[in-house]
Structure formats: structure tokens, C-alpha cells
Amino acid sequence: MRVSGLLHYGLQLPDLARGKDFYTDFGLSSAERGNQLVVRCDGRDQDQTVLVEGPDKRLHHVAFAAPVGSLPELQRHLESLGTALQDAPAEGLQGGLWFRDPDGNAVNVREQELAPPRLVIRPKQNLAGDYQRVDEALWLTANTPPRPRRLGHMLLFSSDINRSQEFYERTLGLRLSDKIPGAAVFMNAGPGDHHVFGFVRSSHPGLHHSSWEVGNLDELMVGAQTMADRGHRIGWGLGRHFPGSNLFHYMRDPWGSWIEYFIDMDQITENWQAREWGWDDAKATPERPAVWCPVVPEAFMHNLEPKPE
């Protein structure tokens, strides 16, 4: 069986108030739920991030959606693989199946449908030979602050990206979309986004980045400017990735991970053929690891989460 997609991720933070302020600056909504802070996108009835308090910042868990009625089959499948089920790691997070991946990350699978994102009104564009916007001044509406529509994907640090790939293929049915050998793995949950999950190489586990879809390029760039104006000045973008093709701009969060606005992600079907790509294929380098982009900050690949004891 295969999970339907990514539901949300959990973060442990030493200061929930600071977490609320950061995600609010990013354009998301938050609400208290018991001892947790739940972060959502406006117009989407689905938790996207769950913040819990703890002594330091670290990835708390990752949650995936599964079809209603499928958990008994998944439980038998996990048991046949020797994957031990565990109790939920925190009060208020009960529900579904819980286990750990080879890096020790808590994984939760829930019987829950993915909520549809808020729809985007397609902007009129004036391109060579196709002039759609006439007698309309776009700049008058181009400065709207972003309100992300959905959590699109997340990439984790992993000490062994091949082992992580194989584990999620066997347990949850995720499939390889593309790979940069020795550097990164991108995985899908079936037709739809090129990737919803993946891994980048590091000495130990942690959250590398989460990625959030916005409505258009103006929203993406207004978001980048707004975040910088509010003190989140370390960033990377604008650029276009090669695996996934999405336009991006990243900001570093207060705890050393990254958060991304994106648009224009490749959409795939069951016919998609995964490939291994090198820097030469995209005429890219580790300093400019995209089709086009500014030089990447040195801190982009730093994993600041504490190493497991």
C-alpha cells in the first residue's frame, strides 16, 4: 500500500511564542490546542505544523495521510517488515500508527483525507504573442502579502540517504522521483507533485526545510521582502530548482532550518521515470545548485539540530 501524501510535521521548540511569531510573519495562522500550537494555511482545513515545547529545537515527528480503512493492512505490513509500533510521543498527538525510521524520527500515519488547498485565481499574463492583460495596471495588486495555500513538501537531513529512501519505499510506498547521488533524494506519493518528501545528506537527522505553495511570483517575492523586513534576513532565491522545476525563495528560521515559498512545481503521473542527476546535467554547481539562482549561503547545508545521544 502507499500513503496518500504529507499531512504535517511537528517541531519541538524552546519558545512557542517565538514560533508563533515566525509562522505568522510567514503568512500562516496558528491556534492553541492543549499544550500544542497548531499552524494552518488560511482556507485549508488541515494541520500543517504542530509545535510542542521542549528544551531545544528538533524535528518532533512527520505525519502522513492514508486512505480511510487502510491502517489494519498497514499495521500488518509494518509488522511483517519487523518495524515496531510505538506509542504517540506526546500528549495530544494520539491517533493512527506510530513508529520510527532508521534515523530515529517519529513517523505517524493517520486515516485522513488530504484537504484541498484554497484555490488560486489564475493571473493574466502578457507574454510575447499572448497579451491577456489589457487596460489593467498589475502593479496596483502585485504587493499582496502571501498567504500560503498548503504545505507542499519537506526534506530531512539523513546520515544515509539511500537507507532512508529504501525504508520509506518499503514501509509507506513512497516512490523515488529523482536523485542527486550522494547529496539528495526526492520522493512522491503518486500522481501530483514531483516530490512531497525527501532527504539531504548530513551527519545526523534533522529538518532541512519545509516548503509552502503560494499563488504567484509576486506573492513569493513580496513574502521574501516582508520576511527580510521583519528581521528574517538570511535567505536564498529567487531561483528555479532542477529536480521539481519549482521557483523558490528560502528564508532561514530562528532555529537554523529553512522555510521555502514555492510555485510552479512539476506534476507527475504513474508514468514518471526517476533518474539520477549530476550537477553537469543542470549546468549547476554546489555553489549554485539550481538551473539559475544566486550563490547559495554557506549555512544552507548546516544541520544545527542536536545530535542524538
Protein backbone atom coordinates (compact mmCIF):
# COMPACT_ATOMS: atom_id res chain seq x y z
CA MET A 1 0.00 0.00 0.00
CA ARG A 2 1.00 3.63 -0.37
CA VAL A 3 0.24 6.65 1.78
CA SER A 4 -1.73 9.45 0.13
CA GLY A 5 0.65 12.28 0.94
CA LEU A 6 2.22 14.50 3.57
CA LEU A 7 -0.12 15.77 6.30
CA HIS A 8 2.05 17.84 8.62
CA TYR A 9 5.27 17.92 10.58
CA GLY A 10 5.88 18.50 14.27
CA LEU A 11 8.62 20.69 15.74
CA GLN A 12 9.84 20.83 19.30
CA LEU A 13 10.77 24.41 20.20
CA PRO A 14 12.08 26.01 23.39
CA ASP A 15 9.81 29.05 22.90
CA LEU A 16 6.34 28.56 21.40
CA ALA A 17 5.65 32.30 21.38
CA ARG A 18 8.65 32.85 19.12
CA GLY A 19 7.45 30.01 16.92
CA LYS A 20 4.02 31.61 16.64
CA ASP A 21 5.55 34.95 15.67
CA PHE A 22 7.74 33.39 12.98
CA TYR A 23 4.98 31.38 11.30
CA THR A 24 2.66 34.40 11.49
CA ASP A 25 5.30 36.52 9.74
CA PHE A 26 5.46 33.81 7.07
CA GLY A 27 1.72 34.20 6.40
CA LEU A 28 0.25 31.28 8.34
CA SER A 29 -2.40 31.07 11.08
CA SER A 30 -1.93 29.44 14.48
CA ALA A 31 -4.09 28.37 17.39
CA GLU A 32 -3.53 26.75 20.74
CA ARG A 33 -4.70 23.17 21.16
CA GLY A 34 -3.97 21.93 24.64
CA ASN A 35 -0.23 22.21 25.15
CA GLN A 36 0.43 22.48 21.40
CA LEU A 37 0.42 25.30 18.88
CA VAL A 38 -1.19 24.23 15.60
CA VAL A 39 -0.24 26.05 12.39
CA ARG A 40 -2.54 26.09 9.35
CA CYS A 41 -2.90 27.72 5.95
CA ASP A 42 -5.90 30.02 5.57
CA GLY A 43 -8.73 28.23 3.80
CA ARG A 44 -7.32 24.71 4.26
CA ASP A 45 -8.88 22.51 6.93
CA GLN A 46 -5.74 20.60 7.84
CA ASP A 47 -2.98 20.92 10.41
CA GLN A 48 0.27 21.74 8.63
CA THR A 49 2.69 22.14 11.51
CA VAL A 50 2.32 21.18 15.18
CA LEU A 51 4.62 22.96 17.62
CA VAL A 52 5.36 21.44 21.03
CA GLU A 53 7.51 22.89 23.78
CA GLY A 54 10.82 21.32 24.79
CA PRO A 55 14.36 22.16 25.89
CA ASP A 56 15.76 22.58 22.36
CA LYS A 57 14.69 22.77 18.74
CA ARG A 58 14.38 19.46 16.94
CA LEU A 59 12.11 17.67 14.49
CA HIS A 60 9.37 16.07 16.58
CA HIS A 61 7.55 13.90 14.04
CA VAL A 62 6.31 13.61 10.47
CA ALA A 63 2.67 12.72 9.70
CA PHE A 64 1.33 11.13 6.51
CA ALA A 65 -2.23 10.60 5.26
CA ALA A 66 -3.57 7.13 4.49
CA PRO A 67 -6.90 6.08 2.92
CA VAL A 68 -9.74 5.51 5.36
CA GLY A 69 -9.84 1.87 6.46
CA SER A 70 -6.25 1.12 5.44
CA LEU A 71 -4.49 1.16 8.81
CA PRO A 72 -5.07 -2.52 9.69
CA GLU A 73 -3.42 -3.53 6.41
CA LEU A 74 -0.58 -1.07 7.01
CA GLN A 75 -0.07 -2.41 10.52
CA ARG A 76 0.23 -5.96 9.23
CA HIS A 77 2.65 -4.75 6.57
CA LEU A 78 4.85 -2.95 9.09
CA GLU A 79 4.86 -5.96 11.40
CA SER A 80 5.88 -8.21 8.51
CA LEU A 81 8.89 -5.92 7.96
CA GLY A 82 9.83 -6.06 11.64
CA THR A 83 9.01 -2.37 12.15
CA ALA A 84 7.97 -1.96 15.76
CA LEU A 85 4.90 0.16 16.50
CA GLN A 86 5.18 2.67 19.34
CA ASP A 87 3.01 4.91 21.47
CA ALA A 88 2.48 8.51 20.40
CA PRO A 89 5.43 10.59 21.61
CA ALA A 90 3.43 13.38 23.25
CA GLU A 91 0.10 14.01 24.92
CA GLY A 92 -2.48 15.28 22.45
CA LEU A 93 -0.92 13.55 19.44
CA GLN A 94 -2.73 10.24 19.78
CA GLY A 95 -4.20 8.64 16.69
CA GLY A 96 -3.02 6.49 13.83
CA LEU A 97 0.10 4.35 13.79
CA TRP A 98 3.45 5.48 15.17
CA PHE A 99 6.93 4.09 14.52
CA ARG A 100 10.48 5.33 13.99
CA ASP A 101 12.63 5.44 10.88
CA PRO A 102 16.32 4.39 10.82
CA ASP A 103 17.42 7.88 11.89
CA GLY A 104 15.10 7.78 14.91
CA ASN A 105 12.49 10.19 13.52
CA ALA A 106 8.96 9.58 14.79
CA VAL A 107 6.56 8.78 11.93
CA ASN A 108 2.76 8.97 12.23
CA VAL A 109 0.29 7.61 9.66
CA ARG A 110 -3.33 8.70 10.01
CA GLU A 111 -6.54 7.73 8.26
CA GLN A 112 -7.28 11.16 6.89
CA GLU A 113 -8.03 12.66 3.51
CA LEU A 114 -5.79 15.47 2.31
CA ALA A 115 -7.75 18.71 2.47
CA PRO A 116 -7.92 20.69 -0.76
CA PRO A 117 -5.96 23.97 -0.74
CA ARG A 118 -7.62 27.33 -1.25
CA LEU A 119 -7.97 27.93 -4.98
CA VAL A 120 -5.84 30.48 -6.80
CA ILE A 121 -7.27 32.90 -9.35
CA ARG A 122 -5.07 32.46 -12.39
CA PRO A 123 -3.35 35.80 -13.11
CA LYS A 124 -3.47 37.29 -16.55
CA GLN A 125 -0.03 37.49 -18.13
CA ASN A 126 1.39 39.44 -21.00
CA LEU A 127 3.85 37.22 -22.83
CA ALA A 128 5.22 37.53 -26.35
CA GLY A 129 2.32 36.97 -28.72
CA ASP A 130 -0.19 36.31 -25.91
CA TYR A 131 -1.30 39.56 -24.27
CA GLN A 132 -4.04 38.74 -21.76
CA ARG A 133 -3.99 41.84 -19.53
CA VAL A 134 -5.20 44.93 -21.32
CA ASP A 135 -6.06 48.29 -19.71
CA GLU A 136 -5.22 46.84 -16.28
CA ALA A 137 -2.32 48.03 -14.14
CA LEU A 138 -0.99 44.90 -12.45
CA TRP A 139 1.25 46.77 -10.01
CA LEU A 140 -1.80 48.01 -8.12
CA THR A 141 -2.45 44.47 -6.82
CA ALA A 142 1.04 42.97 -7.01
CA ASN A 143 2.04 43.79 -3.43
CA THR A 144 -0.38 41.48 -1.61
CA PRO A 145 1.32 39.69 1.33
CA PRO A 146 1.48 35.92 0.81
CA ARG A 147 -0.96 33.55 2.46
CA PRO A 148 0.40 30.06 1.66
CA ARG A 149 -2.16 27.60 0.25
CA ARG A 150 -0.59 24.38 1.51
CA LEU A 151 2.47 22.61 2.83
CA GLY A 152 3.90 21.07 -0.33
CA HIS A 153 6.92 19.09 0.82
CA MET A 154 9.71 18.78 3.34
CA LEU A 155 13.26 17.46 3.23
CA LEU A 156 15.01 15.91 6.21
CA PHE A 157 18.67 15.59 6.97
CA SER A 158 19.74 11.95 6.96
CA SER A 159 23.00 10.22 7.79
CA ASP A 160 22.32 7.72 4.96
CA ILE A 161 20.01 8.99 2.22
CA ASN A 162 19.91 5.64 0.40
CA ARG A 163 18.88 3.81 3.57
CA SER A 164 16.20 6.43 4.25
CA GLN A 165 14.88 6.15 0.69
CA GLU A 166 14.63 2.38 0.91
CA PHE A 167 12.91 2.50 4.30
CA TYR A 168 10.14 4.85 3.16
CA GLU A 169 9.70 2.89 -0.06
CA ARG A 170 9.22 -0.36 1.89
CA THR A 171 7.10 0.96 4.74
CA LEU A 172 4.91 3.68 3.21
CA GLY A 173 5.14 3.02 -0.51
CA LEU A 174 6.72 6.38 -1.36
CA ARG A 175 8.44 6.30 -4.74
CA LEU A 176 11.66 7.83 -5.95
CA SER A 177 11.12 10.88 -8.16
CA ASP A 178 14.74 11.90 -8.74
CA LYS A 179 18.10 11.66 -7.01
CA ILE A 180 21.32 13.64 -6.84
CA PRO A 181 23.67 10.77 -5.90
CA GLY A 182 25.39 11.29 -2.59
CA ALA A 183 23.51 14.54 -1.98
CA ALA A 184 19.70 14.38 -2.09
CA VAL A 185 16.67 12.13 -2.66
CA PHE A 186 13.22 13.35 -3.78
CA MET A 187 10.14 11.12 -3.28
CA ASN A 188 6.49 11.24 -4.36
CA ALA A 189 3.23 9.78 -3.09
CA GLY A 190 1.79 9.06 -6.54
CA PRO A 191 0.29 11.38 -9.17
CA GLY A 192 0.65 15.02 -8.28
CA ASP A 193 3.64 16.96 -7.02
CA HIS A 194 7.05 15.81 -8.22
CA HIS A 195 8.01 15.33 -4.57
CA VAL A 196 6.37 15.60 -1.18
CA PHE A 197 9.25 14.24 0.92
CA GLY A 198 12.94 13.62 0.70
CA PHE A 199 16.38 13.70 2.24
CA VAL A 200 19.64 15.59 2.08
CA ARG A 201 22.89 14.19 3.39
CA SER A 202 24.16 15.14 6.82
CA SER A 203 25.99 13.63 9.78
CA HIS A 204 22.75 13.28 11.78
CA PRO A 205 18.98 13.71 11.45
CA GLY A 206 17.06 16.98 11.50
CA LEU A 207 14.75 19.22 9.48
CA HIS A 208 16.39 20.79 6.45
CA HIS A 209 13.36 22.68 5.11
CA SER A 210 9.63 22.81 4.69
CA SER A 211 8.11 24.21 1.50
CA TRP A 212 4.83 26.11 1.11
CA GLU A 213 2.93 26.89 -2.07
CA VAL A 214 1.85 30.46 -2.76
CA GLY A 215 -0.35 31.87 -5.50
CA ASN A 216 2.08 33.52 -7.90
CA LEU A 217 5.54 35.02 -8.33
CA ASP A 218 4.54 38.37 -6.83
CA GLU A 219 3.36 36.66 -3.63
CA LEU A 220 6.61 34.71 -3.48
CA MET A 221 8.78 37.82 -3.78
CA VAL A 222 6.61 40.02 -1.55
CA GLY A 223 6.91 37.26 1.03
CA ALA A 224 10.69 37.24 0.75
CA GLN A 225 10.78 41.02 1.14
CA THR A 226 8.33 41.00 4.05
CA MET A 227 10.28 38.34 5.91
CA ALA A 228 13.51 40.30 5.47
CA ASP A 229 11.80 43.48 6.67
CA ARG A 230 10.70 41.62 9.82
CA GLY A 231 14.21 40.55 10.65
CA HIS A 232 14.50 37.21 8.83
CA ARG A 233 17.25 38.42 6.55
CA ILE A 234 19.20 35.25 5.78
CA GLY A 235 17.72 33.78 2.61
CA TRP A 236 18.33 32.25 -0.78
CA GLY A 237 16.48 32.93 -4.01
CA LEU A 238 14.96 33.67 -6.43
CA GLY A 239 15.84 30.53 -8.38
CA ARG A 240 14.48 27.51 -10.21
CA HIS A 241 15.33 24.03 -8.96
CA PHE A 242 16.17 21.22 -11.32
CA PRO A 243 14.51 18.24 -9.55
CA GLY A 244 10.91 19.50 -9.40
CA SER A 245 11.47 22.64 -11.51
CA ASN A 246 9.76 24.86 -8.92
CA LEU A 247 10.59 28.52 -8.45
CA PHE A 248 11.79 29.13 -4.89
CA HIS A 249 12.85 31.54 -2.24
CA TYR A 250 14.13 30.28 1.14
CA MET A 251 14.43 32.03 4.50
CA ARG A 252 16.29 30.66 7.50
CA ASP A 253 14.11 30.24 10.56
CA PRO A 254 15.21 31.33 14.06
CA TRP A 255 16.47 27.82 14.84
CA GLY A 256 18.67 27.22 11.80
CA SER A 257 16.36 25.27 9.48
CA TRP A 258 14.89 26.73 6.30
CA ILE A 259 11.41 27.52 5.08
CA GLU A 260 10.53 27.97 1.41
CA TYR A 261 7.90 29.71 -0.67
CA PHE A 262 7.38 27.87 -3.97
CA ILE A 263 5.30 27.95 -7.14
CA ASP A 264 5.23 26.02 -10.42
CA MET A 265 6.15 22.53 -9.20
CA ASP A 266 6.33 19.74 -11.81
CA GLN A 267 3.27 17.50 -11.77
CA ILE A 268 3.79 13.79 -12.47
CA THR A 269 1.79 10.64 -13.19
CA GLU A 270 2.47 6.95 -12.59
CA ASN A 271 4.43 7.03 -15.85
CA TRP A 272 7.15 9.26 -14.41
CA GLN A 273 10.60 7.69 -14.65
CA ALA A 274 13.02 8.56 -11.84
CA ARG A 275 16.57 9.45 -12.81
CA GLU A 276 19.88 10.27 -11.19
CA TRP A 277 21.08 13.77 -11.97
CA GLY A 278 24.52 15.31 -11.60
CA TRP A 279 25.45 18.96 -11.40
CA ASP A 280 26.53 18.92 -15.05
CA ASP A 281 23.03 17.93 -16.19
CA ALA A 282 21.64 21.26 -14.98
CA LYS A 283 24.88 23.16 -15.57
CA ALA A 284 24.81 23.62 -11.79
CA THR A 285 27.43 23.52 -9.05
CA PRO A 286 27.32 23.05 -5.27
CA GLU A 287 27.63 26.86 -5.06
CA ARG A 288 24.72 27.40 -7.47
CA PRO A 289 22.70 24.16 -7.13
CA ALA A 290 19.78 25.12 -9.37
CA VAL A 291 19.06 25.87 -13.01
CA TRP A 292 19.58 29.53 -12.13
CA CYS A 293 19.95 31.17 -8.73
CA PRO A 294 22.20 33.37 -6.59
CA VAL A 295 25.13 31.77 -4.80
CA VAL A 296 23.77 29.57 -2.02
CA PRO A 297 24.54 30.68 1.56
CA GLU A 298 27.26 28.65 3.24
CA ALA A 299 24.84 27.88 6.08
CA PHE A 300 22.29 26.26 3.76
CA MET A 301 23.53 22.74 4.41
CA HIS A 302 24.36 23.20 8.11
CA ASN A 303 22.40 20.89 10.40
CA LEU A 304 22.06 22.75 13.71
CA GLU A 305 19.81 20.24 15.43
CA PRO A 306 21.45 18.42 18.34
CA LYS A 307 22.95 15.03 17.56
CA PRO A 308 21.12 12.06 19.12
CA GLU A 309 22.77 10.77 22.26
